[in-house]
Amino acid sequence: MAKTLCQLALDRVIAYVRGYGMEPTPAVCRQALRLVDAAMDEGSEDLMARVIDRVPDFFELPELQLPRQRPPMKRGSIGYYRHG
């Protein structure tokens, strides 16, 4: 049986907050339901985008600790300059 749009939206919200390390406790699930309900009041068009855009309004998300994206820069030479 295919999931309905509201089920898909709820799954997306739960996956989003789990990505932030939040466990889907009953309180988190109820808040996610409120979010989906509020977004559905505005219609089903672009529901997924509205739901994800509004997650920070409904949840206190912890700040993500991102790893460095590159090694530290160090001065060096790649050998283009000829001596002599």
PDB file of N, CA and C in Angstrom:
ATOM      1  N   MET A   1       0.843  -1.176   0.000  1.00  0.00           N
ATOM      2  CA  MET A   1       0.000   0.000   0.000  1.00  0.00           C
ATOM      3  C   MET A   1       0.889   1.240   0.000  1.00  0.00           C
ATOM      4  N   ALA A   2       0.601   2.153  -0.883  1.00  0.00           N
ATOM      5  CA  ALA A   2       1.388   3.378  -1.007  1.00  0.00           C
ATOM      6  C   ALA A   2       1.095   4.318   0.162  1.00  0.00           C
ATOM      7  N   LYS A   3       2.129   5.033   0.568  1.00  0.00           N
ATOM      8  CA  LYS A   3       1.962   6.007   1.646  1.00  0.00           C
ATOM      9  C   LYS A   3       1.278   7.257   1.120  1.00  0.00           C
ATOM     10  N   THR A   4       0.548   7.914   2.004  1.00  0.00           N
ATOM     11  CA  THR A   4      -0.094   9.176   1.655  1.00  0.00           C
ATOM     12  C   THR A   4       0.921  10.305   1.778  1.00  0.00           C
ATOM     13  N   LEU A   5       0.569  11.445   1.249  1.00  0.00           N
ATOM     14  CA  LEU A   5       1.469  12.599   1.275  1.00  0.00           C
ATOM     15  C   LEU A   5       1.805  13.004   2.712  1.00  0.00           C
ATOM     16  N   CYS A   6       0.826  12.942   3.613  1.00  0.00           N
ATOM     17  CA  CYS A   6       1.107  13.334   4.999  1.00  0.00           C
ATOM     18  C   CYS A   6       2.071  12.342   5.662  1.00  0.00           C
ATOM     19  N   GLN A   7       1.968  11.046   5.327  1.00  0.00           N
ATOM     20  CA  GLN A   7       2.900  10.060   5.869  1.00  0.00           C
ATOM     21  C   GLN A   7       4.314  10.305   5.352  1.00  0.00           C
ATOM     22  N   LEU A   8       4.414  10.614   4.080  1.00  0.00           N
ATOM     23  CA  LEU A   8       5.730  10.916   3.509  1.00  0.00           C
ATOM     24  C   LEU A   8       6.342  12.151   4.158  1.00  0.00           C
ATOM     25  N   ALA A   9       5.513  13.170   4.386  1.00  0.00           N
ATOM     26  CA  ALA A   9       6.008  14.397   5.024  1.00  0.00           C
ATOM     27  C   ALA A   9       6.466  14.114   6.451  1.00  0.00           C
ATOM     28  N   LEU A  10       5.699  13.318   7.177  1.00  0.00           N
ATOM     29  CA  LEU A  10       6.078  12.976   8.546  1.00  0.00           C
ATOM     30  C   LEU A  10       7.379  12.171   8.561  1.00  0.00           C
ATOM     31  N   ASP A  11       7.504  11.218   7.654  1.00  0.00           N
ATOM     32  CA  ASP A  11       8.750  10.451   7.541  1.00  0.00           C
ATOM     33  C   ASP A  11       9.935  11.365   7.269  1.00  0.00           C
ATOM     34  N   ARG A  12       9.733  12.347   6.410  1.00  0.00           N
ATOM     35  CA  ARG A  12      10.812  13.269   6.051  1.00  0.00           C
ATOM     36  C   ARG A  12      11.235  14.101   7.253  1.00  0.00           C
ATOM     37  N   VAL A  13      10.265  14.577   8.032  1.00  0.00           N
ATOM     38  CA  VAL A  13      10.593  15.379   9.222  1.00  0.00           C
ATOM     39  C   VAL A  13      11.350  14.531  10.240  1.00  0.00           C
ATOM     40  N   ILE A  14      10.871  13.320  10.490  1.00  0.00           N
ATOM     41  CA  ILE A  14      11.534  12.442  11.458  1.00  0.00           C
ATOM     42  C   ILE A  14      12.962  12.131  11.001  1.00  0.00           C
ATOM     43  N   ALA A  15      13.148  11.857   9.726  1.00  0.00           N
ATOM     44  CA  ALA A  15      14.492  11.592   9.202  1.00  0.00           C
ATOM     45  C   ALA A  15      15.383  12.824   9.351  1.00  0.00           C
ATOM     46  N   TYR A  16      14.830  14.000   9.131  1.00  0.00           N
ATOM     47  CA  TYR A  16      15.583  15.252   9.232  1.00  0.00           C
ATOM     48  C   TYR A  16      16.083  15.463  10.658  1.00  0.00           C
ATOM     49  N   VAL A  17      15.182  15.342  11.636  1.00  0.00           N
ATOM     50  CA  VAL A  17      15.610  15.592  13.021  1.00  0.00           C
ATOM     51  C   VAL A  17      16.520  14.476  13.532  1.00  0.00           C
ATOM     52  N   ARG A  18      16.331  13.250  13.033  1.00  0.00           N
ATOM     53  CA  ARG A  18      17.258  12.174  13.403  1.00  0.00           C
ATOM     54  C   ARG A  18      18.651  12.455  12.864  1.00  0.00           C
ATOM     55  N   GLY A  19      18.729  13.107  11.714  1.00  0.00           N
ATOM     56  CA  GLY A  19      20.015  13.502  11.159  1.00  0.00           C
ATOM     57  C   GLY A  19      20.751  14.483  12.059  1.00  0.00           C
ATOM     58  N   TYR A  20      20.003  15.205  12.885  1.00  0.00           N
ATOM     59  CA  TYR A  20      20.600  16.118  13.863  1.00  0.00           C
ATOM     60  C   TYR A  20      20.886  15.415  15.188  1.00  0.00           C
ATOM     61  N   GLY A  21      20.659  14.096  15.229  1.00  0.00           N
ATOM     62  CA  GLY A  21      20.947  13.344  16.446  1.00  0.00           C
ATOM     63  C   GLY A  21      19.808  13.303  17.444  1.00  0.00           C
ATOM     64  N   MET A  22      18.634  13.777  17.070  1.00  0.00           N
ATOM     65  CA  MET A  22      17.488  13.759  17.968  1.00  0.00           C
ATOM     66  C   MET A  22      16.772  12.418  17.843  1.00  0.00           C
ATOM     67  N   GLU A  23      16.479  11.808  18.970  1.00  0.00           N
ATOM     68  CA  GLU A  23      15.740  10.545  18.978  1.00  0.00           C
ATOM     69  C   GLU A  23      14.252  10.840  18.760  1.00  0.00           C
ATOM     70  N   PRO A  24      13.551   9.977  18.036  1.00  0.00           N
ATOM     71  CA  PRO A  24      12.120  10.202  17.802  1.00  0.00           C
ATOM     72  C   PRO A  24      11.281   9.800  19.019  1.00  0.00           C
ATOM     73  N   THR A  25      11.414  10.561  20.081  1.00  0.00           N
ATOM     74  CA  THR A  25      10.637  10.328  21.295  1.00  0.00           C
ATOM     75  C   THR A  25       9.178  10.687  21.020  1.00  0.00           C
ATOM     76  N   PRO A  26       8.263  10.312  21.909  1.00  0.00           N
ATOM     77  CA  PRO A  26       6.867  10.707  21.711  1.00  0.00           C
ATOM     78  C   PRO A  26       6.691  12.222  21.574  1.00  0.00           C
ATOM     79  N   ALA A  27       7.454  12.999  22.340  1.00  0.00           N
ATOM     80  CA  ALA A  27       7.349  14.460  22.239  1.00  0.00           C
ATOM     81  C   ALA A  27       7.816  14.958  20.873  1.00  0.00           C
ATOM     82  N   VAL A  28       8.900  14.393  20.373  1.00  0.00           N
ATOM     83  CA  VAL A  28       9.412  14.776  19.051  1.00  0.00           C
ATOM     84  C   VAL A  28       8.402  14.394  17.974  1.00  0.00           C
ATOM     85  N   CYS A  29       7.822  13.215  18.090  1.00  0.00           N
ATOM     86  CA  CYS A  29       6.829  12.775  17.097  1.00  0.00           C
ATOM     87  C   CYS A  29       5.588  13.668  17.114  1.00  0.00           C
ATOM     88  N   ARG A  30       5.136  14.051  18.311  1.00  0.00           N
ATOM     89  CA  ARG A  30       3.967  14.949  18.386  1.00  0.00           C
ATOM     90  C   ARG A  30       4.288  16.310  17.772  1.00  0.00           C
ATOM     91  N   GLN A  31       5.487  16.804  18.005  1.00  0.00           N
ATOM     92  CA  GLN A  31       5.881  18.085  17.411  1.00  0.00           C
ATOM     93  C   GLN A  31       5.953  17.958  15.890  1.00  0.00           C
ATOM     94  N   ALA A  32       6.459  16.840  15.397  1.00  0.00           N
ATOM     95  CA  ALA A  32       6.508  16.609  13.954  1.00  0.00           C
ATOM     96  C   ALA A  32       5.094  16.550  13.367  1.00  0.00           C
ATOM     97  N   LEU A  33       4.188  15.921  14.080  1.00  0.00           N
ATOM     98  CA  LEU A  33       2.790  15.889  13.633  1.00  0.00           C
ATOM     99  C   LEU A  33       2.192  17.290  13.564  1.00  0.00           C
ATOM    100  N   ARG A  34       2.511  18.118  14.571  1.00  0.00           N
ATOM    101  CA  ARG A  34       2.017  19.502  14.542  1.00  0.00           C
ATOM    102  C   ARG A  34       2.561  20.257  13.335  1.00  0.00           C
ATOM    103  N   LEU A  35       3.835  20.036  13.051  1.00  0.00           N
ATOM    104  CA  LEU A  35       4.464  20.685  11.906  1.00  0.00           C
ATOM    105  C   LEU A  35       3.785  20.269  10.606  1.00  0.00           C
ATOM    106  N   VAL A  36       3.576  18.979  10.417  1.00  0.00           N
ATOM    107  CA  VAL A  36       2.934  18.489   9.191  1.00  0.00           C
ATOM    108  C   VAL A  36       1.506  19.013   9.104  1.00  0.00           C
ATOM    109  N   ASP A  37       0.795  19.020  10.226  1.00  0.00           N
ATOM    110  CA  ASP A  37      -0.579  19.531  10.242  1.00  0.00           C
ATOM    111  C   ASP A  37      -0.622  21.008   9.842  1.00  0.00           C
ATOM    112  N   ALA A  38       0.291  21.803  10.401  1.00  0.00           N
ATOM    113  CA  ALA A  38       0.329  23.232  10.069  1.00  0.00           C
ATOM    114  C   ALA A  38       0.650  23.443   8.593  1.00  0.00           C
ATOM    115  N   ALA A  39       1.577  22.652   8.063  1.00  0.00           N
ATOM    116  CA  ALA A  39       1.939  22.795   6.651  1.00  0.00           C
ATOM    117  C   ALA A  39       0.799  22.340   5.744  1.00  0.00           C
ATOM    118  N   MET A  40       0.065  21.323   6.150  1.00  0.00           N
ATOM    119  CA  MET A  40      -1.043  20.833   5.330  1.00  0.00           C
ATOM    120  C   MET A  40      -2.212  21.808   5.312  1.00  0.00           C
ATOM    121  N   ASP A  41      -2.315  22.671   6.325  1.00  0.00           N
ATOM    122  CA  ASP A  41      -3.355  23.701   6.321  1.00  0.00           C
ATOM    123  C   ASP A  41      -3.209  24.638   5.125  1.00  0.00           C
ATOM    124  N   GLU A  42      -1.986  24.730   4.604  1.00  0.00           N
ATOM    125  CA  GLU A  42      -1.713  25.609   3.468  1.00  0.00           C
ATOM    126  C   GLU A  42      -1.881  24.894   2.130  1.00  0.00           C
ATOM    127  N   GLY A  43      -2.287  23.625   2.148  1.00  0.00           N
ATOM    128  CA  GLY A  43      -2.496  22.868   0.920  1.00  0.00           C
ATOM    129  C   GLY A  43      -1.405  21.835   0.704  1.00  0.00           C
ATOM    130  N   SER A  44      -1.625  20.991  -0.293  1.00  0.00           N
ATOM    131  CA  SER A  44      -0.679  19.900  -0.536  1.00  0.00           C
ATOM    132  C   SER A  44       0.402  20.254  -1.548  1.00  0.00           C
ATOM    133  N   GLU A  45       0.225  21.330  -2.287  1.00  0.00           N
ATOM    134  CA  GLU A  45       1.236  21.721  -3.269  1.00  0.00           C
ATOM    135  C   GLU A  45       2.494  22.188  -2.553  1.00  0.00           C
ATOM    136  N   ASP A  46       3.636  21.641  -2.948  1.00  0.00           N
ATOM    137  CA  ASP A  46       4.943  21.960  -2.353  1.00  0.00           C
ATOM    138  C   ASP A  46       5.000  21.659  -0.856  1.00  0.00           C
ATOM    139  N   LEU A  47       4.252  20.665  -0.433  1.00  0.00           N
ATOM    140  CA  LEU A  47       4.195  20.328   0.992  1.00  0.00           C
ATOM    141  C   LEU A  47       5.562  19.963   1.544  1.00  0.00           C
ATOM    142  N   MET A  48       6.296  19.124   0.842  1.00  0.00           N
ATOM    143  CA  MET A  48       7.601  18.675   1.346  1.00  0.00           C
ATOM    144  C   MET A  48       8.551  19.851   1.559  1.00  0.00           C
ATOM    145  N   ALA A  49       8.596  20.768   0.621  1.00  0.00           N
ATOM    146  CA  ALA A  49       9.492  21.925   0.759  1.00  0.00           C
ATOM    147  C   ALA A  49       9.079  22.782   1.945  1.00  0.00           C
ATOM    148  N   ARG A  50       7.773  23.004   2.109  1.00  0.00           N
ATOM    149  CA  ARG A  50       7.302  23.819   3.238  1.00  0.00           C
ATOM    150  C   ARG A  50       7.614  23.147   4.569  1.00  0.00           C
ATOM    151  N   VAL A  51       7.429  21.844   4.619  1.00  0.00           N
ATOM    152  CA  VAL A  51       7.685  21.111   5.865  1.00  0.00           C
ATOM    153  C   VAL A  51       9.154  21.247   6.264  1.00  0.00           C
ATOM    154  N   ILE A  52      10.048  20.986   5.336  1.00  0.00           N
ATOM    155  CA  ILE A  52      11.481  21.048   5.662  1.00  0.00           C
ATOM    156  C   ILE A  52      11.901  22.486   5.982  1.00  0.00           C
ATOM    157  N   ASP A  53      11.365  23.456   5.269  1.00  0.00           N
ATOM    158  CA  ASP A  53      11.694  24.856   5.555  1.00  0.00           C
ATOM    159  C   ASP A  53      11.266  25.272   6.957  1.00  0.00           C
ATOM    160  N   ARG A  54      10.221  24.653   7.477  1.00  0.00           N
ATOM    161  CA  ARG A  54       9.680  25.063   8.776  1.00  0.00           C
ATOM    162  C   ARG A  54      10.199  24.232   9.952  1.00  0.00           C
ATOM    163  N   VAL A  55      11.034  23.245   9.704  1.00  0.00           N
ATOM    164  CA  VAL A  55      11.566  22.429  10.804  1.00  0.00           C
ATOM    165  C   VAL A  55      12.238  23.296  11.871  1.00  0.00           C
ATOM    166  N   PRO A  56      13.093  24.261  11.511  1.00  0.00           N
ATOM    167  CA  PRO A  56      13.724  25.078  12.568  1.00  0.00           C
ATOM    168  C   PRO A  56      12.721  25.899  13.386  1.00  0.00           C
ATOM    169  N   ASP A  57      11.526  26.166  12.842  1.00  0.00           N
ATOM    170  CA  ASP A  57      10.507  26.894  13.596  1.00  0.00           C
ATOM    171  C   ASP A  57       9.850  26.017  14.658  1.00  0.00           C
ATOM    172  N   PHE A  58       9.873  24.714  14.480  1.00  0.00           N
ATOM    173  CA  PHE A  58       9.189  23.793  15.381  1.00  0.00           C
ATOM    174  C   PHE A  58      10.136  23.021  16.305  1.00  0.00           C
ATOM    175  N   PHE A  59      11.415  22.981  15.966  1.00  0.00           N
ATOM    176  CA  PHE A  59      12.380  22.205  16.745  1.00  0.00           C
ATOM    177  C   PHE A  59      13.588  23.065  17.082  1.00  0.00           C
ATOM    178  N   GLU A  60      14.138  22.845  18.279  1.00  0.00           N
ATOM    179  CA  GLU A  60      15.411  23.460  18.635  1.00  0.00           C
ATOM    180  C   GLU A  60      16.502  22.498  18.194  1.00  0.00           C
ATOM    181  N   LEU A  61      17.075  22.782  17.054  1.00  0.00           N
ATOM    182  CA  LEU A  61      18.083  21.897  16.478  1.00  0.00           C
ATOM    183  C   LEU A  61      19.457  22.247  17.036  1.00  0.00           C
ATOM    184  N   PRO A  62      20.220  21.232  17.423  1.00  0.00           N
ATOM    185  CA  PRO A  62      21.574  21.521  17.901  1.00  0.00           C
ATOM    186  C   PRO A  62      22.445  21.994  16.742  1.00  0.00           C
ATOM    187  N   GLU A  63      23.449  22.766  17.075  1.00  0.00           N
ATOM    188  CA  GLU A  63      24.364  23.247  16.044  1.00  0.00           C
ATOM    189  C   GLU A  63      25.228  22.077  15.577  1.00  0.00           C
ATOM    190  N   LEU A  64      25.330  21.935  14.279  1.00  0.00           N
ATOM    191  CA  LEU A  64      26.124  20.845  13.728  1.00  0.00           C
ATOM    192  C   LEU A  64      27.606  21.151  13.855  1.00  0.00           C
ATOM    193  N   GLN A  65      28.369  20.135  14.201  1.00  0.00           N
ATOM    194  CA  GLN A  65      29.822  20.249  14.266  1.00  0.00           C
ATOM    195  C   GLN A  65      30.382  19.611  12.999  1.00  0.00           C
ATOM    196  N   LEU A  66      30.706  20.425  12.026  1.00  0.00           N
ATOM    197  CA  LEU A  66      31.193  19.921  10.752  1.00  0.00           C
ATOM    198  C   LEU A  66      32.705  19.735  10.788  1.00  0.00           C
ATOM    199  N   PRO A  67      33.197  18.653  10.215  1.00  0.00           N
ATOM    200  CA  PRO A  67      34.654  18.463  10.161  1.00  0.00           C
ATOM    201  C   PRO A  67      35.279  19.422   9.160  1.00  0.00           C
ATOM    202  N   ARG A  68      36.570  19.618   9.284  1.00  0.00           N
ATOM    203  CA  ARG A  68      37.283  20.476   8.329  1.00  0.00           C
ATOM    204  C   ARG A  68      37.114  19.899   6.934  1.00  0.00           C
ATOM    205  N   GLN A  69      36.968  20.766   5.965  1.00  0.00           N
ATOM    206  CA  GLN A  69      36.739  20.324   4.597  1.00  0.00           C
ATOM    207  C   GLN A  69      38.030  20.155   3.800  1.00  0.00           C
ATOM    208  N   ARG A  70      39.144  20.570   4.376  1.00  0.00           N
ATOM    209  CA  ARG A  70      40.425  20.464   3.671  1.00  0.00           C
ATOM    210  C   ARG A  70      41.539  20.395   4.707  1.00  0.00           C
ATOM    211  N   PRO A  71      42.714  19.925   4.319  1.00  0.00           N
ATOM    212  CA  PRO A  71      43.832  19.961   5.262  1.00  0.00           C
ATOM    213  C   PRO A  71      44.317  21.407   5.419  1.00  0.00           C
ATOM    214  N   PRO A  72      45.047  21.700   6.475  1.00  0.00           N
ATOM    215  CA  PRO A  72      45.536  23.073   6.647  1.00  0.00           C
ATOM    216  C   PRO A  72      46.494  23.462   5.518  1.00  0.00           C
ATOM    217  N   MET A  73      46.431  24.729   5.111  1.00  0.00           N
ATOM    218  CA  MET A  73      47.296  25.233   4.042  1.00  0.00           C
ATOM    219  C   MET A  73      48.713  25.419   4.585  1.00  0.00           C
ATOM    220  N   LYS A  74      49.697  24.966   3.835  1.00  0.00           N
ATOM    221  CA  LYS A  74      51.101  25.141   4.207  1.00  0.00           C
ATOM    222  C   LYS A  74      51.836  25.655   2.983  1.00  0.00           C
ATOM    223  N   ARG A  75      52.777  26.542   3.246  1.00  0.00           N
ATOM    224  CA  ARG A  75      53.568  27.094   2.156  1.00  0.00           C
ATOM    225  C   ARG A  75      54.499  26.012   1.634  1.00  0.00           C
ATOM    226  N   GLY A  76      54.612  25.936   0.343  1.00  0.00           N
ATOM    227  CA  GLY A  76      55.488  24.935  -0.233  1.00  0.00           C
ATOM    228  C   GLY A  76      55.800  25.271  -1.675  1.00  0.00           C
ATOM    229  N   SER A  77      56.561  24.459  -2.307  1.00  0.00           N
ATOM    230  CA  SER A  77      56.947  24.665  -3.689  1.00  0.00           C
ATOM    231  C   SER A  77      56.625  23.409  -4.468  1.00  0.00           C
ATOM    232  N   ILE A  78      56.190  23.595  -5.715  1.00  0.00           N
ATOM    233  CA  ILE A  78      55.954  22.429  -6.560  1.00  0.00           C
ATOM    234  C   ILE A  78      57.034  22.313  -7.633  1.00  0.00           C
ATOM    235  N   GLY A  79      58.110  23.110  -7.491  1.00  0.00           N
ATOM    236  CA  GLY A  79      59.287  22.932  -8.326  1.00  0.00           C
ATOM    237  C   GLY A  79      59.299  23.631  -9.676  1.00  0.00           C
ATOM    238  N   TYR A  80      58.574  24.720  -9.851  1.00  0.00           N
ATOM    239  CA  TYR A  80      58.572  25.410 -11.132  1.00  0.00           C
ATOM    240  C   TYR A  80      59.793  26.326 -11.315  1.00  0.00           C
ATOM    241  N   TYR A  81      60.389  26.762 -10.235  1.00  0.00           N
ATOM    242  CA  TYR A  81      61.478  27.722 -10.313  1.00  0.00           C
ATOM    243  C   TYR A  81      62.802  26.976 -10.420  1.00  0.00           C
ATOM    244  N   ARG A  82      63.584  27.284 -11.467  1.00  0.00           N
ATOM    245  CA  ARG A  82      64.905  26.660 -11.610  1.00  0.00           C
ATOM    246  C   ARG A  82      65.964  27.577 -11.008  1.00  0.00           C
ATOM    247  N   HIS A  83      66.820  26.989 -10.247  1.00  0.00           N
ATOM    248  CA  HIS A  83      67.938  27.748  -9.670  1.00  0.00           C
ATOM    249  C   HIS A  83      69.102  27.677 -10.656  1.00  0.00           C
ATOM    250  N   GLY A  84      69.692  28.821 -10.970  1.00  0.00           N
ATOM    251  CA  GLY A  84      70.924  28.805 -11.738  1.00  0.00           C
ATOM    252  C   GLY A  84      70.766  29.115 -13.116  1.00  0.00           C
TER     253      GLY A  84
END
